[in-house]
Amino acid sequence: MRISYEFDWQEHGTVSLTDDGRPLLPKLSKEPGIYRITFHRSSKSSLYIGETDNFSRRAYHYRNPGPSQKTSRRINGLLRRELAAGTRVEVATIRDPVTEIDGRRVEPDFSRRPYRLLFENAALVGVAQEGAETHNL
């Protein structure tokens, strides 16, 4: 079986801190998909890549993580630390995804988690090949 992936990133803007110190992500849709948070430091950049069934809800949970949401709590802390240190943080989502399976073009259905996981992992492999640092565990 031969599978290939193609996609571009659509930038949505920067993350900021509110007056009460919580991260405020750009307004995102309620669509499912893959997102990237880029931390632009003066010395080097790093990334976090994730998948979700609802961008807007995921952004809300990064701003207001619940006590049992380990990843949301970890990313919330990372965003707070980096933004407080003056790091520019940007959010992007995958756009125009294309999958080809055995020479046949297949439209990925991001409402289904297996498609999201395939693209999330393809993006992580691409980042690793470029030698970029990630905050994914």
N, C-alpha and C. Protein backbone atom coordinates (compact mmCIF):
# COMPACT_ATOMS: atom_id res chain seq x y z
N MET A 1 0.85 -1.17 0.00
CA MET A 1 0.00 0.00 0.00
C MET A 1 0.90 1.24 0.00
N ARG A 2 0.56 2.19 -0.83
CA ARG A 2 1.31 3.45 -0.91
C ARG A 2 0.36 4.59 -0.56
N ILE A 3 0.76 5.38 0.43
CA ILE A 3 -0.06 6.51 0.87
C ILE A 3 0.80 7.77 0.83
N SER A 4 0.25 8.84 0.28
CA SER A 4 0.95 10.13 0.31
C SER A 4 -0.02 11.20 0.82
N TYR A 5 0.57 12.26 1.37
CA TYR A 5 -0.19 13.35 1.96
C TYR A 5 0.34 14.66 1.42
N GLU A 6 -0.55 15.59 1.20
CA GLU A 6 -0.17 16.95 0.84
C GLU A 6 -1.07 17.90 1.60
N PHE A 7 -0.48 19.02 2.05
CA PHE A 7 -1.28 20.04 2.71
C PHE A 7 -0.47 21.31 2.84
N ASP A 8 -1.15 22.40 3.08
CA ASP A 8 -0.54 23.69 3.38
C ASP A 8 -1.00 24.10 4.77
N TRP A 9 -0.31 25.07 5.32
CA TRP A 9 -0.71 25.64 6.61
C TRP A 9 -1.36 26.99 6.38
N GLN A 10 -2.47 27.23 7.05
CA GLN A 10 -3.14 28.53 7.02
C GLN A 10 -2.91 29.21 8.36
N GLU A 11 -2.25 30.36 8.33
CA GLU A 11 -1.98 31.11 9.56
C GLU A 11 -3.26 31.78 10.05
N HIS A 12 -3.45 31.77 11.38
CA HIS A 12 -4.65 32.39 11.97
C HIS A 12 -4.32 33.56 12.88
N GLY A 13 -3.07 33.77 13.19
CA GLY A 13 -2.69 34.90 14.03
C GLY A 13 -1.88 34.48 15.23
N THR A 14 -1.68 35.45 16.12
CA THR A 14 -0.82 35.24 17.28
C THR A 14 -1.64 35.00 18.54
N VAL A 15 -0.96 34.40 19.51
CA VAL A 15 -1.54 34.16 20.83
C VAL A 15 -1.05 35.29 21.73
N SER A 16 -1.91 35.75 22.60
CA SER A 16 -1.54 36.80 23.56
C SER A 16 -1.97 36.38 24.96
N LEU A 17 -1.56 37.16 25.94
CA LEU A 17 -2.00 36.93 27.31
C LEU A 17 -3.04 37.98 27.67
N THR A 18 -4.11 37.55 28.33
CA THR A 18 -5.13 38.49 28.79
C THR A 18 -4.63 39.18 30.05
N ASP A 19 -5.38 40.15 30.52
CA ASP A 19 -4.99 40.88 31.74
C ASP A 19 -4.87 39.96 32.95
N ASP A 20 -5.64 38.87 32.95
CA ASP A 20 -5.56 37.93 34.07
C ASP A 20 -4.54 36.81 33.81
N GLY A 21 -3.72 36.95 32.75
CA GLY A 21 -2.61 36.03 32.49
C GLY A 21 -2.96 34.74 31.78
N ARG A 22 -4.15 34.67 31.20
CA ARG A 22 -4.53 33.46 30.47
C ARG A 22 -4.23 33.64 28.98
N PRO A 23 -3.83 32.54 28.30
CA PRO A 23 -3.55 32.63 26.87
C PRO A 23 -4.83 32.85 26.07
N LEU A 24 -4.76 33.76 25.12
CA LEU A 24 -5.88 34.05 24.23
C LEU A 24 -5.46 33.70 22.81
N LEU A 25 -6.02 32.61 22.29
CA LEU A 25 -5.71 32.15 20.94
C LEU A 25 -6.60 32.87 19.93
N PRO A 26 -6.16 32.96 18.68
CA PRO A 26 -7.00 33.57 17.64
C PRO A 26 -8.33 32.83 17.53
N LYS A 27 -9.33 33.52 17.04
CA LYS A 27 -10.65 32.90 16.83
C LYS A 27 -10.51 31.81 15.77
N LEU A 28 -10.97 30.61 16.13
CA LEU A 28 -10.89 29.46 15.24
C LEU A 28 -12.29 28.89 15.02
N SER A 29 -12.45 28.17 13.93
CA SER A 29 -13.75 27.57 13.59
C SER A 29 -14.04 26.37 14.51
N LYS A 30 -15.23 25.85 14.38
CA LYS A 30 -15.62 24.66 15.12
C LYS A 30 -15.35 23.39 14.31
N GLU A 31 -14.61 23.53 13.21
CA GLU A 31 -14.30 22.41 12.33
C GLU A 31 -13.26 21.48 12.98
N PRO A 32 -13.23 20.23 12.54
CA PRO A 32 -12.17 19.33 12.98
C PRO A 32 -10.92 19.52 12.12
N GLY A 33 -9.77 19.12 12.64
CA GLY A 33 -8.57 19.19 11.83
C GLY A 33 -7.30 19.14 12.65
N ILE A 34 -6.21 19.59 12.02
CA ILE A 34 -4.88 19.57 12.60
C ILE A 34 -4.40 21.00 12.75
N TYR A 35 -3.75 21.29 13.87
CA TYR A 35 -3.27 22.65 14.12
C TYR A 35 -1.81 22.61 14.54
N ARG A 36 -1.19 23.77 14.39
CA ARG A 36 0.23 23.92 14.76
C ARG A 36 0.35 25.20 15.59
N ILE A 37 1.04 25.10 16.71
CA ILE A 37 1.39 26.27 17.51
C ILE A 37 2.89 26.44 17.39
N THR A 38 3.32 27.59 16.89
CA THR A 38 4.75 27.84 16.69
C THR A 38 5.23 28.88 17.69
N PHE A 39 6.31 28.54 18.38
CA PHE A 39 6.93 29.42 19.36
C PHE A 39 8.18 30.02 18.73
N HIS A 40 8.12 31.31 18.39
CA HIS A 40 9.24 31.99 17.72
C HIS A 40 10.08 32.71 18.78
N ARG A 41 11.19 32.08 19.15
CA ARG A 41 12.14 32.72 20.09
C ARG A 41 13.24 33.38 19.28
N SER A 42 14.01 34.23 19.93
CA SER A 42 15.10 34.90 19.22
C SER A 42 16.18 33.91 18.78
N SER A 43 16.38 32.84 19.56
CA SER A 43 17.44 31.88 19.24
C SER A 43 16.97 30.74 18.34
N LYS A 44 15.76 30.26 18.54
CA LYS A 44 15.25 29.14 17.75
C LYS A 44 13.73 29.08 17.90
N SER A 45 13.10 28.38 16.98
CA SER A 45 11.66 28.17 17.05
C SER A 45 11.37 26.73 17.42
N SER A 46 10.20 26.51 17.97
CA SER A 46 9.74 25.16 18.28
C SER A 46 8.24 25.09 17.99
N LEU A 47 7.73 23.87 17.93
CA LEU A 47 6.34 23.66 17.50
C LEU A 47 5.61 22.70 18.42
N TYR A 48 4.30 22.85 18.42
CA TYR A 48 3.41 21.82 18.96
C TYR A 48 2.39 21.56 17.87
N ILE A 49 2.18 20.30 17.52
CA ILE A 49 1.21 19.92 16.50
C ILE A 49 0.18 19.01 17.14
N GLY A 50 -1.10 19.30 16.90
CA GLY A 50 -2.17 18.50 17.50
C GLY A 50 -3.33 18.32 16.55
N GLU A 51 -4.25 17.47 16.96
CA GLU A 51 -5.46 17.22 16.18
C GLU A 51 -6.65 17.42 17.10
N THR A 52 -7.79 17.78 16.52
CA THR A 52 -8.99 18.00 17.31
C THR A 52 -10.24 17.81 16.45
N ASP A 53 -11.34 17.53 17.12
CA ASP A 53 -12.61 17.46 16.40
C ASP A 53 -13.32 18.81 16.39
N ASN A 54 -12.71 19.83 17.08
CA ASN A 54 -13.31 21.16 17.14
C ASN A 54 -12.22 22.17 17.54
N PHE A 55 -11.73 22.95 16.56
CA PHE A 55 -10.65 23.91 16.84
C PHE A 55 -11.03 24.88 17.96
N SER A 56 -12.23 25.42 17.90
CA SER A 56 -12.68 26.42 18.86
C SER A 56 -12.67 25.86 20.29
N ARG A 57 -13.19 24.66 20.45
CA ARG A 57 -13.21 24.05 21.78
C ARG A 57 -11.80 23.77 22.28
N ARG A 58 -10.92 23.31 21.39
CA ARG A 58 -9.53 23.05 21.80
C ARG A 58 -8.86 24.33 22.28
N ALA A 59 -9.07 25.44 21.55
CA ALA A 59 -8.50 26.73 21.96
C ALA A 59 -9.05 27.13 23.33
N TYR A 60 -10.34 26.91 23.55
CA TYR A 60 -10.95 27.23 24.85
C TYR A 60 -10.27 26.43 25.96
N HIS A 61 -10.02 25.15 25.72
CA HIS A 61 -9.42 24.31 26.76
C HIS A 61 -7.96 24.66 27.00
N TYR A 62 -7.27 25.18 26.01
CA TYR A 62 -5.90 25.63 26.26
C TYR A 62 -5.92 26.90 27.11
N ARG A 63 -6.97 27.68 26.99
CA ARG A 63 -7.13 28.89 27.80
C ARG A 63 -7.63 28.55 29.20
N ASN A 64 -8.54 27.58 29.29
CA ASN A 64 -9.21 27.21 30.55
C ASN A 64 -9.16 25.70 30.75
N PRO A 65 -7.99 25.12 31.01
CA PRO A 65 -7.91 23.66 31.12
C PRO A 65 -8.60 23.15 32.38
N GLY A 66 -9.27 22.02 32.22
CA GLY A 66 -9.89 21.37 33.37
C GLY A 66 -8.85 20.58 34.15
N PRO A 67 -9.15 20.24 35.39
CA PRO A 67 -8.17 19.55 36.24
C PRO A 67 -7.72 18.19 35.69
N SER A 68 -8.56 17.52 34.90
CA SER A 68 -8.18 16.20 34.39
C SER A 68 -7.60 16.25 32.98
N GLN A 69 -7.47 17.44 32.40
CA GLN A 69 -6.98 17.59 31.03
C GLN A 69 -5.46 17.82 31.04
N LYS A 70 -4.70 16.71 31.10
CA LYS A 70 -3.24 16.81 31.24
C LYS A 70 -2.59 17.58 30.10
N THR A 71 -2.96 17.28 28.87
CA THR A 71 -2.33 17.96 27.74
C THR A 71 -2.71 19.43 27.72
N SER A 72 -3.97 19.73 27.94
CA SER A 72 -4.41 21.14 27.94
C SER A 72 -3.71 21.92 29.05
N ARG A 73 -3.54 21.30 30.20
CA ARG A 73 -2.83 21.97 31.30
C ARG A 73 -1.36 22.21 30.94
N ARG A 74 -0.75 21.21 30.30
CA ARG A 74 0.67 21.33 29.91
C ARG A 74 0.85 22.43 28.86
N ILE A 75 -0.01 22.47 27.85
CA ILE A 75 0.10 23.49 26.80
C ILE A 75 -0.25 24.86 27.37
N ASN A 76 -1.22 24.94 28.27
CA ASN A 76 -1.54 26.21 28.92
C ASN A 76 -0.31 26.76 29.64
N GLY A 77 0.36 25.91 30.40
CA GLY A 77 1.56 26.34 31.12
C GLY A 77 2.67 26.76 30.17
N LEU A 78 2.85 26.02 29.10
CA LEU A 78 3.86 26.36 28.10
C LEU A 78 3.55 27.71 27.46
N LEU A 79 2.30 27.91 27.07
CA LEU A 79 1.91 29.19 26.47
C LEU A 79 2.14 30.34 27.46
N ARG A 80 1.75 30.17 28.70
CA ARG A 80 1.94 31.24 29.71
C ARG A 80 3.42 31.58 29.87
N ARG A 81 4.26 30.54 30.01
CA ARG A 81 5.70 30.78 30.20
C ARG A 81 6.32 31.48 29.00
N GLU A 82 6.03 30.96 27.82
CA GLU A 82 6.65 31.51 26.61
C GLU A 82 6.17 32.94 26.35
N LEU A 83 4.88 33.19 26.50
CA LEU A 83 4.37 34.54 26.25
C LEU A 83 4.90 35.53 27.29
N ALA A 84 4.99 35.11 28.54
CA ALA A 84 5.53 35.98 29.59
C ALA A 84 7.00 36.31 29.33
N ALA A 85 7.71 35.40 28.64
CA ALA A 85 9.13 35.61 28.32
C ALA A 85 9.30 36.43 27.03
N GLY A 86 8.19 36.82 26.40
CA GLY A 86 8.28 37.63 25.20
C GLY A 86 8.32 36.86 23.90
N THR A 87 8.08 35.56 23.94
CA THR A 87 8.08 34.74 22.73
C THR A 87 6.85 35.06 21.89
N ARG A 88 7.03 35.19 20.58
CA ARG A 88 5.89 35.36 19.67
C ARG A 88 5.35 33.96 19.37
N VAL A 89 4.05 33.78 19.57
CA VAL A 89 3.42 32.48 19.39
C VAL A 89 2.32 32.62 18.33
N GLU A 90 2.36 31.75 17.32
CA GLU A 90 1.39 31.80 16.22
C GLU A 90 0.66 30.47 16.10
N VAL A 91 -0.58 30.55 15.59
CA VAL A 91 -1.41 29.36 15.39
C VAL A 91 -1.75 29.23 13.92
N ALA A 92 -1.65 28.01 13.41
CA ALA A 92 -2.00 27.70 12.02
C ALA A 92 -2.78 26.39 12.00
N THR A 93 -3.56 26.19 10.95
CA THR A 93 -4.28 24.93 10.75
C THR A 93 -4.00 24.41 9.34
N ILE A 94 -4.16 23.12 9.18
CA ILE A 94 -3.97 22.52 7.86
C ILE A 94 -5.11 22.94 6.95
N ARG A 95 -4.73 23.30 5.71
CA ARG A 95 -5.74 23.58 4.69
C ARG A 95 -5.37 22.80 3.43
N ASP A 96 -6.36 22.60 2.60
CA ASP A 96 -6.19 21.90 1.32
C ASP A 96 -5.51 20.54 1.46
N PRO A 97 -5.99 19.69 2.40
CA PRO A 97 -5.37 18.38 2.54
C PRO A 97 -5.74 17.44 1.39
N VAL A 98 -4.77 16.67 0.94
CA VAL A 98 -4.99 15.68 -0.11
C VAL A 98 -4.31 14.38 0.32
N THR A 99 -5.01 13.29 0.15
CA THR A 99 -4.44 11.97 0.40
C THR A 99 -4.51 11.18 -0.89
N GLU A 100 -3.47 10.45 -1.17
CA GLU A 100 -3.49 9.54 -2.31
C GLU A 100 -3.15 8.16 -1.78
N ILE A 101 -4.05 7.21 -2.04
CA ILE A 101 -3.85 5.84 -1.59
C ILE A 101 -3.80 4.94 -2.82
N ASP A 102 -2.65 4.30 -3.00
CA ASP A 102 -2.43 3.43 -4.17
C ASP A 102 -2.83 4.12 -5.47
N GLY A 103 -2.40 5.39 -5.61
CA GLY A 103 -2.64 6.13 -6.84
C GLY A 103 -4.04 6.73 -6.98
N ARG A 104 -4.89 6.54 -5.98
CA ARG A 104 -6.25 7.05 -6.03
C ARG A 104 -6.40 8.20 -5.04
N ARG A 105 -6.86 9.34 -5.53
CA ARG A 105 -7.04 10.51 -4.67
C ARG A 105 -8.25 10.28 -3.75
N VAL A 106 -8.02 10.51 -2.45
CA VAL A 106 -9.07 10.34 -1.44
C VAL A 106 -9.16 11.62 -0.64
N GLU A 107 -10.36 12.19 -0.56
CA GLU A 107 -10.56 13.39 0.25
C GLU A 107 -10.56 12.98 1.72
N PRO A 108 -9.63 13.51 2.52
CA PRO A 108 -9.60 13.14 3.93
C PRO A 108 -10.81 13.72 4.67
N ASP A 109 -11.41 12.91 5.49
CA ASP A 109 -12.57 13.30 6.29
C ASP A 109 -12.10 13.55 7.71
N PHE A 110 -11.80 14.81 8.04
CA PHE A 110 -11.26 15.13 9.36
C PHE A 110 -12.29 14.99 10.48
N SER A 111 -13.55 14.70 10.16
CA SER A 111 -14.50 14.40 11.22
C SER A 111 -14.21 13.00 11.80
N ARG A 112 -13.40 12.23 11.07
CA ARG A 112 -12.99 10.90 11.53
C ARG A 112 -11.56 10.96 12.07
N ARG A 113 -11.40 10.52 13.30
CA ARG A 113 -10.11 10.64 13.98
C ARG A 113 -8.96 9.94 13.25
N PRO A 114 -9.16 8.77 12.62
CA PRO A 114 -8.02 8.15 11.92
C PRO A 114 -7.40 9.06 10.86
N TYR A 115 -8.21 9.82 10.13
CA TYR A 115 -7.66 10.76 9.15
C TYR A 115 -6.87 11.87 9.85
N ARG A 116 -7.41 12.38 10.95
CA ARG A 116 -6.69 13.43 11.68
C ARG A 116 -5.36 12.91 12.20
N LEU A 117 -5.36 11.70 12.73
CA LEU A 117 -4.12 11.13 13.26
C LEU A 117 -3.08 10.92 12.16
N LEU A 118 -3.53 10.48 10.99
CA LEU A 118 -2.59 10.31 9.87
C LEU A 118 -1.91 11.63 9.52
N PHE A 119 -2.69 12.69 9.39
CA PHE A 119 -2.13 13.98 9.02
C PHE A 119 -1.31 14.59 10.15
N GLU A 120 -1.75 14.42 11.39
CA GLU A 120 -0.98 14.92 12.53
C GLU A 120 0.39 14.26 12.54
N ASN A 121 0.42 12.95 12.38
CA ASN A 121 1.69 12.23 12.40
C ASN A 121 2.54 12.53 11.18
N ALA A 122 1.92 12.72 10.01
CA ALA A 122 2.69 13.12 8.82
C ALA A 122 3.35 14.47 9.06
N ALA A 123 2.62 15.41 9.68
CA ALA A 123 3.20 16.73 9.98
C ALA A 123 4.35 16.59 10.98
N LEU A 124 4.19 15.74 11.99
CA LEU A 124 5.25 15.54 12.98
C LEU A 124 6.49 14.91 12.36
N VAL A 125 6.30 13.95 11.45
CA VAL A 125 7.44 13.33 10.76
C VAL A 125 8.16 14.38 9.91
N GLY A 126 7.39 15.22 9.21
CA GLY A 126 8.00 16.28 8.41
C GLY A 126 8.82 17.23 9.25
N VAL A 127 8.31 17.59 10.41
CA VAL A 127 9.02 18.49 11.32
C VAL A 127 10.30 17.82 11.82
N ALA A 128 10.21 16.54 12.15
CA ALA A 128 11.39 15.81 12.63
C ALA A 128 12.46 15.74 11.55
N GLN A 129 12.06 15.55 10.29
CA GLN A 129 13.00 15.51 9.18
C GLN A 129 13.72 16.84 8.99
N GLU A 130 13.03 17.93 9.34
CA GLU A 130 13.63 19.26 9.24
C GLU A 130 14.52 19.57 10.44
N GLY A 131 14.46 18.72 11.47
CA GLY A 131 15.28 18.92 12.66
C GLY A 131 14.70 19.92 13.64
N ALA A 132 13.42 20.26 13.48
CA ALA A 132 12.79 21.24 14.38
C ALA A 132 12.44 20.58 15.72
N GLU A 133 12.46 21.38 16.75
CA GLU A 133 12.09 20.92 18.09
C GLU A 133 10.56 20.94 18.22
N THR A 134 10.01 19.89 18.83
CA THR A 134 8.57 19.87 19.09
C THR A 134 8.31 19.71 20.58
N HIS A 135 7.12 20.11 20.97
CA HIS A 135 6.67 19.95 22.36
C HIS A 135 5.71 18.78 22.50
N ASN A 136 5.61 17.97 21.43
CA ASN A 136 4.80 16.78 21.48
C ASN A 136 5.56 15.72 22.26
N LEU A 137 4.85 14.95 23.06
CA LEU A 137 5.50 13.89 23.83
C LEU A 137 5.58 12.62 23.06
